Amino acid sequence: MASVEEFLEEQIHSGALKPGGRVPTERALATLLGRSRHDIRRQLDKLESQGRVTREVGRGTFLTEPADHDTVTVRPPVNLSPLDLIDARAAWEPNLMTLVAVAATAEDFAEIRRCMENGEAARSPEEFLVWDMAFHRALAMAAHNTVVGALNEMVEIGRRQLAGSGLDKSRYTIENCAVCQGEHRDIANAIFDRDPVASQTAMRKHLQTVRRQMLSGLP
């Protein structure tokens, strides 16, 4: 039974689906792949959090346009450690919130809220991880700054790398996820209030929490 990702890769390889093209509906994918719509929706959520597809209310799901060919993607080192990544994030993400609080649009607010609420509704640490990454990506995109977007892309690659290796898995307990969910709401509310100081403070507190969670889970 093929996954949504495998189906899309096959469609891209065959030329049936091109960047910017419309992805089949959840109902159609469920029928084609022999999966439940809930499973299809979960897989699409993950692909969206990775920036592989975009969803537009009332229009559907679309394959993401690729970056310009002359754009160089900076990748984190192969031997990346969880603490290296969180310390790097702590050096810039709190300051980023001061920009987001000013630059975010109503559409950005809606996306931030959607990711936050889906994270709160997550039924497992694995599902929360998907929406955790999507929430931070929504914040970065709300800055409307190409450099910020590139930095966030590298962070996402690093986070997926750590998740795939299992190095970051120990901190994703139900209890830790609940704490992070509350802190995500604090960050979001400060952004919605367009309060640069409060949003910066909330993000700094959140990343300090994540660092403590990482330290407690390391051998």
N, C-alpha and C. Protein backbone atom coordinates (compact mmCIF):
# COMPACT_ATOMS: atom_id res chain seq x y z
N MET A 1 0.85 -1.19 0.00
CA MET A 1 0.00 0.00 0.00
C MET A 1 0.89 1.25 0.00
N ALA A 2 0.84 2.02 -1.05
CA ALA A 2 1.70 3.20 -1.19
C ALA A 2 1.25 4.32 -0.25
N SER A 3 2.23 5.13 0.16
CA SER A 3 1.92 6.31 0.97
C SER A 3 1.60 7.47 0.03
N VAL A 4 1.08 8.55 0.60
CA VAL A 4 0.79 9.74 -0.22
C VAL A 4 2.09 10.26 -0.82
N GLU A 5 3.16 10.28 -0.03
CA GLU A 5 4.44 10.78 -0.53
C GLU A 5 4.93 9.95 -1.71
N GLU A 6 4.82 8.63 -1.60
CA GLU A 6 5.26 7.75 -2.69
C GLU A 6 4.40 7.96 -3.94
N PHE A 7 3.09 8.14 -3.73
CA PHE A 7 2.19 8.39 -4.85
C PHE A 7 2.56 9.68 -5.57
N LEU A 8 2.82 10.75 -4.80
CA LEU A 8 3.16 12.03 -5.40
C LEU A 8 4.49 11.95 -6.15
N GLU A 9 5.46 11.25 -5.57
CA GLU A 9 6.76 11.11 -6.24
C GLU A 9 6.60 10.37 -7.57
N GLU A 10 5.74 9.35 -7.57
CA GLU A 10 5.49 8.61 -8.82
C GLU A 10 4.82 9.51 -9.86
N GLN A 11 3.86 10.33 -9.41
CA GLN A 11 3.17 11.24 -10.31
C GLN A 11 4.12 12.30 -10.87
N ILE A 12 5.02 12.78 -10.03
CA ILE A 12 6.01 13.78 -10.47
C ILE A 12 6.96 13.16 -11.49
N HIS A 13 7.44 11.94 -11.18
CA HIS A 13 8.39 11.26 -12.07
C HIS A 13 7.77 10.98 -13.44
N SER A 14 6.49 10.65 -13.45
CA SER A 14 5.81 10.33 -14.71
C SER A 14 5.40 11.57 -15.48
N GLY A 15 5.48 12.73 -14.82
CA GLY A 15 5.08 13.97 -15.47
C GLY A 15 3.61 14.29 -15.32
N ALA A 16 2.88 13.44 -14.60
CA ALA A 16 1.44 13.66 -14.42
C ALA A 16 1.15 14.81 -13.45
N LEU A 17 2.11 15.10 -12.58
CA LEU A 17 1.94 16.18 -11.61
C LEU A 17 3.18 17.05 -11.62
N LYS A 18 2.97 18.35 -11.80
CA LYS A 18 4.08 19.30 -11.87
C LYS A 18 3.98 20.29 -10.71
N PRO A 19 5.09 20.97 -10.38
CA PRO A 19 5.05 21.98 -9.32
C PRO A 19 3.94 22.99 -9.55
N GLY A 20 3.17 23.25 -8.51
CA GLY A 20 2.03 24.14 -8.62
C GLY A 20 0.76 23.43 -9.02
N GLY A 21 0.88 22.14 -9.38
CA GLY A 21 -0.28 21.37 -9.80
C GLY A 21 -1.15 20.95 -8.62
N ARG A 22 -2.42 20.70 -8.93
CA ARG A 22 -3.37 20.32 -7.90
C ARG A 22 -3.21 18.84 -7.54
N VAL A 23 -3.14 18.57 -6.24
CA VAL A 23 -3.07 17.21 -5.73
C VAL A 23 -4.49 16.65 -5.64
N PRO A 24 -4.71 15.37 -5.93
CA PRO A 24 -6.05 14.80 -5.80
C PRO A 24 -6.65 15.05 -4.41
N THR A 25 -7.95 15.06 -4.34
CA THR A 25 -8.63 15.30 -3.06
C THR A 25 -8.36 14.17 -2.08
N GLU A 26 -8.64 14.43 -0.79
CA GLU A 26 -8.47 13.39 0.22
C GLU A 26 -9.30 12.16 -0.12
N ARG A 27 -10.53 12.38 -0.57
CA ARG A 27 -11.41 11.26 -0.92
C ARG A 27 -10.80 10.43 -2.06
N ALA A 28 -10.29 11.14 -3.08
CA ALA A 28 -9.71 10.44 -4.22
C ALA A 28 -8.45 9.67 -3.82
N LEU A 29 -7.62 10.30 -2.99
CA LEU A 29 -6.40 9.62 -2.53
C LEU A 29 -6.73 8.40 -1.69
N ALA A 30 -7.74 8.52 -0.84
CA ALA A 30 -8.14 7.39 0.00
C ALA A 30 -8.57 6.21 -0.87
N THR A 31 -9.30 6.50 -1.93
CA THR A 31 -9.75 5.44 -2.84
C THR A 31 -8.58 4.85 -3.63
N LEU A 32 -7.72 5.73 -4.15
CA LEU A 32 -6.60 5.28 -4.97
C LEU A 32 -5.61 4.43 -4.17
N LEU A 33 -5.36 4.84 -2.91
CA LEU A 33 -4.32 4.20 -2.11
C LEU A 33 -4.86 3.17 -1.13
N GLY A 34 -6.18 3.04 -1.05
CA GLY A 34 -6.76 2.06 -0.14
C GLY A 34 -6.53 2.39 1.32
N ARG A 35 -6.56 3.67 1.65
CA ARG A 35 -6.35 4.12 3.02
C ARG A 35 -7.56 4.91 3.50
N SER A 36 -7.64 5.10 4.82
CA SER A 36 -8.73 5.89 5.37
C SER A 36 -8.47 7.37 5.11
N ARG A 37 -9.52 8.17 5.10
CA ARG A 37 -9.34 9.61 4.90
C ARG A 37 -8.57 10.22 6.06
N HIS A 38 -8.76 9.68 7.25
CA HIS A 38 -7.99 10.19 8.41
C HIS A 38 -6.50 9.99 8.18
N ASP A 39 -6.12 8.82 7.68
CA ASP A 39 -4.71 8.53 7.41
C ASP A 39 -4.18 9.45 6.31
N ILE A 40 -4.98 9.64 5.27
CA ILE A 40 -4.59 10.53 4.17
C ILE A 40 -4.38 11.95 4.69
N ARG A 41 -5.32 12.41 5.52
CA ARG A 41 -5.22 13.77 6.07
C ARG A 41 -3.96 13.92 6.92
N ARG A 42 -3.65 12.90 7.72
CA ARG A 42 -2.46 12.94 8.56
C ARG A 42 -1.19 13.02 7.71
N GLN A 43 -1.14 12.24 6.62
CA GLN A 43 0.03 12.27 5.74
C GLN A 43 0.16 13.62 5.04
N LEU A 44 -0.96 14.19 4.63
CA LEU A 44 -0.92 15.51 3.99
C LEU A 44 -0.48 16.58 4.98
N ASP A 45 -0.91 16.45 6.24
CA ASP A 45 -0.47 17.38 7.28
C ASP A 45 1.05 17.37 7.39
N LYS A 46 1.62 16.17 7.37
CA LYS A 46 3.07 16.04 7.48
C LYS A 46 3.77 16.66 6.28
N LEU A 47 3.26 16.38 5.09
CA LEU A 47 3.85 16.95 3.87
C LEU A 47 3.75 18.47 3.86
N GLU A 48 2.63 18.98 4.38
CA GLU A 48 2.47 20.44 4.46
C GLU A 48 3.46 21.04 5.44
N SER A 49 3.66 20.38 6.59
CA SER A 49 4.60 20.90 7.59
C SER A 49 6.02 20.92 7.05
N GLN A 50 6.31 20.04 6.08
CA GLN A 50 7.64 19.98 5.47
C GLN A 50 7.77 20.92 4.27
N GLY A 51 6.67 21.62 3.95
CA GLY A 51 6.71 22.54 2.82
C GLY A 51 6.60 21.86 1.48
N ARG A 52 6.18 20.59 1.45
CA ARG A 52 6.09 19.85 0.19
C ARG A 52 4.81 20.17 -0.57
N VAL A 53 3.74 20.44 0.17
CA VAL A 53 2.46 20.83 -0.44
C VAL A 53 1.91 22.04 0.30
N THR A 54 1.00 22.74 -0.35
CA THR A 54 0.31 23.86 0.29
C THR A 54 -1.19 23.64 0.14
N ARG A 55 -1.95 24.10 1.14
CA ARG A 55 -3.40 23.97 1.10
C ARG A 55 -4.02 25.35 1.03
N GLU A 56 -5.00 25.50 0.18
CA GLU A 56 -5.72 26.76 0.03
C GLU A 56 -7.20 26.50 0.25
N VAL A 57 -7.76 27.19 1.23
CA VAL A 57 -9.16 26.99 1.58
C VAL A 57 -10.05 27.24 0.36
N GLY A 58 -10.91 26.29 0.06
CA GLY A 58 -11.84 26.42 -1.04
C GLY A 58 -11.26 26.07 -2.40
N ARG A 59 -9.95 25.86 -2.46
CA ARG A 59 -9.32 25.55 -3.76
C ARG A 59 -8.72 24.15 -3.80
N GLY A 60 -8.10 23.72 -2.71
CA GLY A 60 -7.53 22.39 -2.68
C GLY A 60 -6.08 22.38 -2.23
N THR A 61 -5.40 21.28 -2.53
CA THR A 61 -4.01 21.07 -2.13
C THR A 61 -3.15 21.08 -3.39
N PHE A 62 -1.99 21.76 -3.29
CA PHE A 62 -1.14 21.93 -4.47
C PHE A 62 0.30 21.55 -4.15
N LEU A 63 0.98 21.00 -5.14
CA LEU A 63 2.40 20.68 -5.01
C LEU A 63 3.17 21.99 -4.95
N THR A 64 4.06 22.11 -3.98
CA THR A 64 4.79 23.35 -3.78
C THR A 64 5.72 23.63 -4.95
N GLU A 65 5.77 24.91 -5.33
CA GLU A 65 6.71 25.33 -6.37
C GLU A 65 8.13 25.20 -5.83
N PRO A 66 9.08 24.70 -6.63
CA PRO A 66 10.46 24.59 -6.16
C PRO A 66 11.11 25.95 -6.05
N ALA A 67 12.17 25.99 -5.25
CA ALA A 67 12.94 27.23 -5.14
C ALA A 67 13.66 27.48 -6.46
N ASP A 68 14.12 28.73 -6.66
CA ASP A 68 14.88 29.06 -7.87
C ASP A 68 16.09 28.14 -7.99
N HIS A 69 16.46 27.81 -9.22
CA HIS A 69 17.56 26.87 -9.43
C HIS A 69 18.89 27.41 -8.91
N ASP A 70 19.04 28.73 -8.81
CA ASP A 70 20.31 29.26 -8.34
C ASP A 70 20.32 29.46 -6.84
N THR A 71 19.29 28.98 -6.15
CA THR A 71 19.25 29.09 -4.70
C THR A 71 20.00 27.92 -4.09
N VAL A 72 20.92 28.21 -3.19
CA VAL A 72 21.69 27.17 -2.53
C VAL A 72 21.08 26.87 -1.18
N THR A 73 20.71 25.63 -0.94
CA THR A 73 20.16 25.24 0.35
C THR A 73 21.31 24.90 1.28
N VAL A 74 21.41 25.61 2.38
CA VAL A 74 22.44 25.35 3.37
C VAL A 74 21.92 24.24 4.28
N ARG A 75 22.67 23.18 4.40
CA ARG A 75 22.24 22.05 5.21
C ARG A 75 23.06 21.96 6.49
N PRO A 76 22.45 21.49 7.56
CA PRO A 76 23.19 21.33 8.81
C PRO A 76 24.18 20.19 8.68
N PRO A 77 25.20 20.13 9.56
CA PRO A 77 26.18 19.05 9.48
C PRO A 77 25.54 17.69 9.76
N VAL A 78 26.16 16.65 9.22
CA VAL A 78 25.63 15.30 9.39
C VAL A 78 25.63 14.89 10.86
N ASN A 79 26.64 15.33 11.61
CA ASN A 79 26.76 14.95 13.02
C ASN A 79 26.11 15.99 13.94
N LEU A 80 25.07 16.63 13.48
CA LEU A 80 24.37 17.65 14.26
C LEU A 80 23.88 17.09 15.59
N SER A 81 24.08 17.85 16.66
CA SER A 81 23.58 17.44 17.97
C SER A 81 22.34 18.25 18.32
N PRO A 82 21.42 17.70 19.13
CA PRO A 82 20.22 18.44 19.53
C PRO A 82 20.54 19.76 20.20
N LEU A 83 21.57 19.77 21.06
CA LEU A 83 21.90 21.00 21.78
C LEU A 83 22.48 22.06 20.86
N ASP A 84 23.27 21.65 19.87
CA ASP A 84 23.78 22.63 18.90
C ASP A 84 22.62 23.32 18.19
N LEU A 85 21.63 22.53 17.81
CA LEU A 85 20.50 23.10 17.07
C LEU A 85 19.67 24.02 17.94
N ILE A 86 19.35 23.61 19.16
CA ILE A 86 18.49 24.45 20.00
C ILE A 86 19.23 25.72 20.42
N ASP A 87 20.55 25.64 20.64
CA ASP A 87 21.30 26.84 21.00
C ASP A 87 21.34 27.83 19.84
N ALA A 88 21.46 27.30 18.62
CA ALA A 88 21.43 28.18 17.45
C ALA A 88 20.06 28.83 17.30
N ARG A 89 19.01 28.05 17.52
CA ARG A 89 17.65 28.61 17.43
C ARG A 89 17.44 29.69 18.49
N ALA A 90 17.96 29.45 19.68
CA ALA A 90 17.78 30.42 20.77
C ALA A 90 18.48 31.74 20.48
N ALA A 91 19.47 31.70 19.60
CA ALA A 91 20.21 32.92 19.27
C ALA A 91 19.45 33.83 18.33
N TRP A 92 18.46 33.29 17.60
CA TRP A 92 17.77 34.15 16.62
C TRP A 92 16.25 34.10 16.66
N GLU A 93 15.64 33.00 17.06
CA GLU A 93 14.18 32.92 17.01
C GLU A 93 13.47 33.92 17.93
N PRO A 94 13.95 34.17 19.16
CA PRO A 94 13.27 35.19 19.97
C PRO A 94 13.25 36.56 19.30
N ASN A 95 14.38 36.96 18.71
CA ASN A 95 14.43 38.25 18.03
C ASN A 95 13.54 38.27 16.79
N LEU A 96 13.39 37.11 16.15
CA LEU A 96 12.51 37.01 14.99
C LEU A 96 11.07 37.39 15.35
N MET A 97 10.66 37.08 16.57
CA MET A 97 9.28 37.35 16.98
C MET A 97 8.94 38.83 16.95
N THR A 98 9.94 39.69 17.16
CA THR A 98 9.68 41.13 17.11
C THR A 98 9.32 41.55 15.69
N LEU A 99 9.88 40.87 14.71
CA LEU A 99 9.55 41.14 13.31
C LEU A 99 8.19 40.57 12.95
N VAL A 100 7.93 39.35 13.41
CA VAL A 100 6.65 38.69 13.11
C VAL A 100 5.48 39.47 13.69
N ALA A 101 5.65 39.99 14.90
CA ALA A 101 4.56 40.72 15.55
C ALA A 101 4.12 41.93 14.74
N VAL A 102 5.03 42.47 13.95
CA VAL A 102 4.73 43.65 13.13
C VAL A 102 4.30 43.26 11.72
N ALA A 103 4.96 42.24 11.15
CA ALA A 103 4.77 41.93 9.73
C ALA A 103 3.64 40.95 9.44
N ALA A 104 3.21 40.17 10.41
CA ALA A 104 2.21 39.13 10.17
C ALA A 104 0.88 39.70 9.67
N THR A 105 0.28 39.01 8.72
CA THR A 105 -1.01 39.40 8.16
C THR A 105 -2.13 38.57 8.80
N ALA A 106 -3.36 38.90 8.45
CA ALA A 106 -4.50 38.13 8.96
C ALA A 106 -4.40 36.67 8.51
N GLU A 107 -3.93 36.45 7.28
CA GLU A 107 -3.76 35.09 6.79
C GLU A 107 -2.69 34.35 7.60
N ASP A 108 -1.63 35.05 7.96
CA ASP A 108 -0.59 34.45 8.80
C ASP A 108 -1.16 34.08 10.16
N PHE A 109 -1.96 34.98 10.74
CA PHE A 109 -2.59 34.69 12.02
C PHE A 109 -3.40 33.40 11.94
N ALA A 110 -4.16 33.25 10.86
CA ALA A 110 -5.01 32.07 10.70
C ALA A 110 -4.17 30.79 10.63
N GLU A 111 -3.05 30.85 9.91
CA GLU A 111 -2.19 29.68 9.78
C GLU A 111 -1.50 29.36 11.10
N ILE A 112 -1.04 30.38 11.81
CA ILE A 112 -0.42 30.16 13.12
C ILE A 112 -1.42 29.51 14.07
N ARG A 113 -2.64 30.03 14.07
CA ARG A 113 -3.68 29.47 14.94
C ARG A 113 -4.01 28.02 14.55
N ARG A 114 -4.08 27.74 13.25
CA ARG A 114 -4.39 26.39 12.80
C ARG A 114 -3.34 25.40 13.27
N CYS A 115 -2.07 25.76 13.12
CA CYS A 115 -1.00 24.86 13.54
C CYS A 115 -0.99 24.69 15.06
N MET A 116 -1.22 25.78 15.79
CA MET A 116 -1.27 25.71 17.25
C MET A 116 -2.38 24.78 17.71
N GLU A 117 -3.58 24.95 17.16
CA GLU A 117 -4.73 24.16 17.59
C GLU A 117 -4.60 22.70 17.18
N ASN A 118 -4.03 22.44 16.02
CA ASN A 118 -3.80 21.05 15.62
C ASN A 118 -2.75 20.39 16.52
N GLY A 119 -1.77 21.18 16.95
CA GLY A 119 -0.79 20.66 17.90
C GLY A 119 -1.43 20.30 19.22
N GLU A 120 -2.35 21.14 19.67
CA GLU A 120 -3.06 20.88 20.93
C GLU A 120 -3.96 19.65 20.82
N ALA A 121 -4.44 19.38 19.61
CA ALA A 121 -5.34 18.24 19.40
C ALA A 121 -4.58 16.95 19.07
N ALA A 122 -3.26 17.03 18.98
CA ALA A 122 -2.46 15.85 18.62
C ALA A 122 -2.69 14.72 19.61
N ARG A 123 -2.80 13.51 19.09
CA ARG A 123 -3.10 12.35 19.93
C ARG A 123 -1.86 11.56 20.33
N SER A 124 -0.72 11.96 19.83
CA SER A 124 0.52 11.26 20.15
C SER A 124 1.68 12.23 20.04
N PRO A 125 2.80 11.93 20.71
CA PRO A 125 3.99 12.77 20.57
C PRO A 125 4.45 12.89 19.12
N GLU A 126 4.30 11.81 18.35
CA GLU A 126 4.72 11.84 16.95
C GLU A 126 3.88 12.82 16.14
N GLU A 127 2.58 12.83 16.41
CA GLU A 127 1.69 13.76 15.72
C GLU A 127 1.98 15.20 16.16
N PHE A 128 2.28 15.37 17.45
CA PHE A 128 2.61 16.71 17.93
C PHE A 128 3.87 17.24 17.25
N LEU A 129 4.85 16.38 17.04
CA LEU A 129 6.10 16.80 16.38
C LEU A 129 5.81 17.42 15.02
N VAL A 130 4.89 16.82 14.27
CA VAL A 130 4.53 17.35 12.96
C VAL A 130 4.01 18.78 13.09
N TRP A 131 3.10 18.99 14.06
CA TRP A 131 2.50 20.32 14.20
C TRP A 131 3.41 21.29 14.94
N ASP A 132 4.32 20.77 15.75
CA ASP A 132 5.33 21.61 16.38
C ASP A 132 6.18 22.28 15.29
N MET A 133 6.65 21.48 14.35
CA MET A 133 7.44 22.02 13.25
C MET A 133 6.62 22.96 12.38
N ALA A 134 5.37 22.60 12.14
CA ALA A 134 4.50 23.45 11.31
C ALA A 134 4.25 24.79 11.98
N PHE A 135 4.09 24.79 13.31
CA PHE A 135 3.86 26.03 14.05
C PHE A 135 5.05 26.97 13.91
N HIS A 136 6.24 26.45 14.12
CA HIS A 136 7.44 27.30 14.02
C HIS A 136 7.66 27.75 12.57
N ARG A 137 7.30 26.90 11.62
CA ARG A 137 7.42 27.31 10.22
C ARG A 137 6.45 28.44 9.90
N ALA A 138 5.23 28.34 10.43
CA ALA A 138 4.24 29.40 10.19
C ALA A 138 4.72 30.73 10.76
N LEU A 139 5.36 30.68 11.91
CA LEU A 139 5.91 31.91 12.50
C LEU A 139 7.00 32.49 11.60
N ALA A 140 7.90 31.65 11.14
CA ALA A 140 8.99 32.13 10.28
C ALA A 140 8.46 32.72 8.98
N MET A 141 7.48 32.06 8.37
CA MET A 141 6.91 32.55 7.12
C MET A 141 6.17 33.87 7.33
N ALA A 142 5.66 34.09 8.53
CA ALA A 142 4.92 35.32 8.82
C ALA A 142 5.82 36.54 8.88
N ALA A 143 7.14 36.33 8.90
CA ALA A 143 8.07 37.46 8.88
C ALA A 143 8.17 38.07 7.48
N HIS A 144 7.79 37.30 6.46
CA HIS A 144 7.85 37.76 5.06
C HIS A 144 9.26 38.27 4.73
N ASN A 145 10.24 37.44 5.05
CA ASN A 145 11.64 37.79 4.85
C ASN A 145 12.34 36.56 4.27
N THR A 146 12.96 36.71 3.10
CA THR A 146 13.54 35.56 2.42
C THR A 146 14.71 34.94 3.19
N VAL A 147 15.49 35.77 3.89
CA VAL A 147 16.61 35.24 4.67
C VAL A 147 16.09 34.40 5.83
N VAL A 148 15.05 34.90 6.49
CA VAL A 148 14.43 34.15 7.58
C VAL A 148 13.90 32.82 7.06
N GLY A 149 13.28 32.85 5.88
CA GLY A 149 12.77 31.62 5.29
C GLY A 149 13.87 30.60 5.05
N ALA A 150 15.03 31.06 4.57
CA ALA A 150 16.15 30.16 4.32
C ALA A 150 16.71 29.58 5.62
N LEU A 151 16.82 30.44 6.64
CA LEU A 151 17.30 29.97 7.94
C LEU A 151 16.35 28.92 8.52
N ASN A 152 15.06 29.19 8.40
CA ASN A 152 14.09 28.24 8.94
C ASN A 152 14.13 26.92 8.19
N GLU A 153 14.38 26.99 6.88
CA GLU A 153 14.48 25.75 6.10
C GLU A 153 15.62 24.89 6.62
N MET A 154 16.76 25.52 6.94
CA MET A 154 17.89 24.76 7.47
C MET A 154 17.54 24.15 8.83
N VAL A 155 16.83 24.94 9.67
CA VAL A 155 16.42 24.43 10.98
C VAL A 155 15.50 23.22 10.81
N GLU A 156 14.55 23.32 9.87
CA GLU A 156 13.63 22.20 9.64
C GLU A 156 14.37 20.95 9.18
N ILE A 157 15.33 21.13 8.30
CA ILE A 157 16.12 19.99 7.83
C ILE A 157 16.84 19.35 9.01
N GLY A 158 17.40 20.19 9.89
CA GLY A 158 18.08 19.69 11.07
C GLY A 158 17.14 18.95 12.01
N ARG A 159 15.95 19.50 12.19
CA ARG A 159 14.99 18.85 13.09
C ARG A 159 14.54 17.51 12.52
N ARG A 160 14.30 17.45 11.22
CA ARG A 160 13.92 16.17 10.61
C ARG A 160 15.06 15.16 10.70
N GLN A 161 16.28 15.68 10.55
CA GLN A 161 17.46 14.81 10.65
C GLN A 161 17.56 14.20 12.04
N LEU A 162 17.35 15.02 13.07
CA LEU A 162 17.41 14.53 14.45
C LEU A 162 16.27 13.56 14.74
N ALA A 163 15.08 13.89 14.23
CA ALA A 163 13.92 13.02 14.45
C ALA A 163 14.15 11.66 13.79
N GLY A 164 14.73 11.68 12.60
CA GLY A 164 14.98 10.43 11.89
C GLY A 164 16.03 9.57 12.56
N SER A 165 16.99 10.21 13.23
CA SER A 165 18.05 9.46 13.91
C SER A 165 17.64 9.01 15.30
N GLY A 166 16.53 9.59 15.81
CA GLY A 166 16.07 9.24 17.16
C GLY A 166 16.74 10.02 18.26
N LEU A 167 17.68 10.93 17.93
CA LEU A 167 18.41 11.67 18.95
C LEU A 167 17.51 12.63 19.73
N ASP A 168 16.45 13.11 19.09
CA ASP A 168 15.57 14.10 19.74
C ASP A 168 14.29 13.47 20.26
N LYS A 169 14.15 12.15 20.09
CA LYS A 169 12.88 11.49 20.39
C LYS A 169 12.56 11.49 21.88
N SER A 170 13.58 11.40 22.73
CA SER A 170 13.35 11.22 24.16
C SER A 170 12.60 12.38 24.80
N ARG A 171 12.71 13.57 24.22
CA ARG A 171 12.04 14.71 24.85
C ARG A 171 10.56 14.79 24.50
N TYR A 172 10.12 14.04 23.50
CA TYR A 172 8.72 14.11 23.09
C TYR A 172 7.86 13.15 23.90
N THR A 173 7.76 13.43 25.20
CA THR A 173 6.84 12.70 26.06
C THR A 173 5.51 13.43 26.07
N ILE A 174 4.46 12.76 26.54
CA ILE A 174 3.15 13.40 26.60
C ILE A 174 3.20 14.63 27.50
N GLU A 175 3.92 14.51 28.62
CA GLU A 175 4.01 15.63 29.57
C GLU A 175 4.74 16.82 28.95
N ASN A 176 5.87 16.55 28.29
CA ASN A 176 6.63 17.63 27.67
C ASN A 176 5.85 18.30 26.55
N CYS A 177 5.13 17.49 25.79
CA CYS A 177 4.32 18.05 24.70
C CYS A 177 3.26 18.99 25.24
N ALA A 178 2.65 18.63 26.36
CA ALA A 178 1.61 19.48 26.96
C ALA A 178 2.19 20.83 27.38
N VAL A 179 3.40 20.81 27.92
CA VAL A 179 4.05 22.07 28.31
C VAL A 179 4.30 22.93 27.08
N CYS A 180 4.82 22.32 26.03
CA CYS A 180 5.11 23.06 24.80
C CYS A 180 3.85 23.60 24.14
N GLN A 181 2.76 22.85 24.23
CA GLN A 181 1.50 23.32 23.67
C GLN A 181 1.06 24.62 24.35
N GLY A 182 1.18 24.67 25.67
CA GLY A 182 0.82 25.88 26.40
C GLY A 182 1.72 27.05 26.03
N GLU A 183 3.00 26.77 25.84
CA GLU A 183 3.93 27.84 25.47
C GLU A 183 3.71 28.30 24.04
N HIS A 184 3.32 27.40 23.17
CA HIS A 184 2.95 27.82 21.80
C HIS A 184 1.79 28.80 21.85
N ARG A 185 0.81 28.53 22.69
CA ARG A 185 -0.34 29.43 22.80
C ARG A 185 0.10 30.80 23.33
N ASP A 186 1.04 30.83 24.28
CA ASP A 186 1.54 32.10 24.80
C ASP A 186 2.22 32.90 23.69
N ILE A 187 3.03 32.22 22.88
CA ILE A 187 3.71 32.89 21.76
C ILE A 187 2.68 33.43 20.78
N ALA A 188 1.73 32.58 20.41
CA ALA A 188 0.72 32.98 19.43
C ALA A 188 -0.11 34.16 19.91
N ASN A 189 -0.52 34.12 21.17
CA ASN A 189 -1.34 35.22 21.70
C ASN A 189 -0.58 36.53 21.69
N ALA A 190 0.72 36.47 21.99
CA ALA A 190 1.52 37.70 21.96
C ALA A 190 1.65 38.23 20.53
N ILE A 191 1.78 37.32 19.57
CA ILE A 191 1.83 37.73 18.16
C ILE A 191 0.50 38.34 17.75
N PHE A 192 -0.62 37.69 18.13
CA PHE A 192 -1.94 38.20 17.78
C PHE A 192 -2.18 39.59 18.37
N ASP A 193 -1.58 39.84 19.55
CA ASP A 193 -1.68 41.16 20.18
C ASP A 193 -0.71 42.16 19.58
N ARG A 194 0.12 41.70 18.66
CA ARG A 194 1.18 42.51 18.02
C ARG A 194 2.07 43.15 19.08
N ASP A 195 2.47 42.32 20.03
CA ASP A 195 3.32 42.77 21.13
C ASP A 195 4.72 42.20 20.93
N PRO A 196 5.66 42.99 20.39
CA PRO A 196 7.00 42.47 20.10
C PRO A 196 7.74 41.98 21.34
N VAL A 197 7.62 42.72 22.45
CA VAL A 197 8.35 42.35 23.66
C VAL A 197 7.81 41.05 24.24
N ALA A 198 6.48 40.95 24.36
CA ALA A 198 5.88 39.74 24.92
C ALA A 198 6.13 38.52 24.04
N SER A 199 6.09 38.70 22.73
CA SER A 199 6.33 37.57 21.83
C SER A 199 7.78 37.11 21.90
N GLN A 200 8.70 38.05 22.01
CA GLN A 200 10.12 37.71 22.15
C GLN A 200 10.36 36.96 23.46
N THR A 201 9.76 37.47 24.54
CA THR A 201 9.91 36.83 25.85
C THR A 201 9.32 35.43 25.85
N ALA A 202 8.15 35.27 25.24
CA ALA A 202 7.49 33.96 25.21
C ALA A 202 8.31 32.94 24.42
N MET A 203 8.90 33.37 23.30
CA MET A 203 9.71 32.45 22.51
C MET A 203 11.00 32.08 23.24
N ARG A 204 11.61 33.06 23.90
CA ARG A 204 12.83 32.76 24.64
C ARG A 204 12.55 31.74 25.75
N LYS A 205 11.44 31.93 26.46
CA LYS A 205 11.05 30.99 27.51
C LYS A 205 10.81 29.60 26.93
N HIS A 206 10.15 29.55 25.79
CA HIS A 206 9.84 28.26 25.15
C HIS A 206 11.11 27.51 24.77
N LEU A 207 12.06 28.19 24.18
CA LEU A 207 13.29 27.52 23.75
C LEU A 207 14.13 27.09 24.95
N GLN A 208 14.06 27.85 26.05
CA GLN A 208 14.73 27.43 27.28
C GLN A 208 14.10 26.14 27.81
N THR A 209 12.76 26.07 27.71
CA THR A 209 12.06 24.85 28.12
C THR A 209 12.50 23.66 27.27
N VAL A 210 12.55 23.86 25.96
CA VAL A 210 12.95 22.79 25.06
C VAL A 210 14.36 22.31 25.39
N ARG A 211 15.24 23.25 25.69
CA ARG A 211 16.62 22.88 26.02
C ARG A 211 16.67 22.03 27.29
N ARG A 212 15.88 22.42 28.30
CA ARG A 212 15.84 21.64 29.54
C ARG A 212 15.30 20.23 29.27
N GLN A 213 14.28 20.16 28.43
CA GLN A 213 13.71 18.86 28.09
C GLN A 213 14.74 17.98 27.38
N MET A 214 15.52 18.59 26.50
CA MET A 214 16.56 17.84 25.80
C MET A 214 17.61 17.31 26.77
N LEU A 215 18.05 18.18 27.68
CA LEU A 215 19.08 17.79 28.65
C LEU A 215 18.61 16.65 29.53
N SER A 216 17.34 16.69 29.92
CA SER A 216 16.81 15.64 30.80
C SER A 216 16.70 14.30 30.08
N GLY A 217 16.62 14.35 28.75
CA GLY A 217 16.46 13.11 27.99
C GLY A 217 17.76 12.54 27.45
N LEU A 218 18.85 13.31 27.56
CA LEU A 218 20.13 12.83 27.04
C LEU A 218 20.79 11.87 28.02
N PRO A 219 21.50 10.86 27.52
CA PRO A 219 22.17 9.89 28.41
C PRO A 219 23.33 10.53 29.15
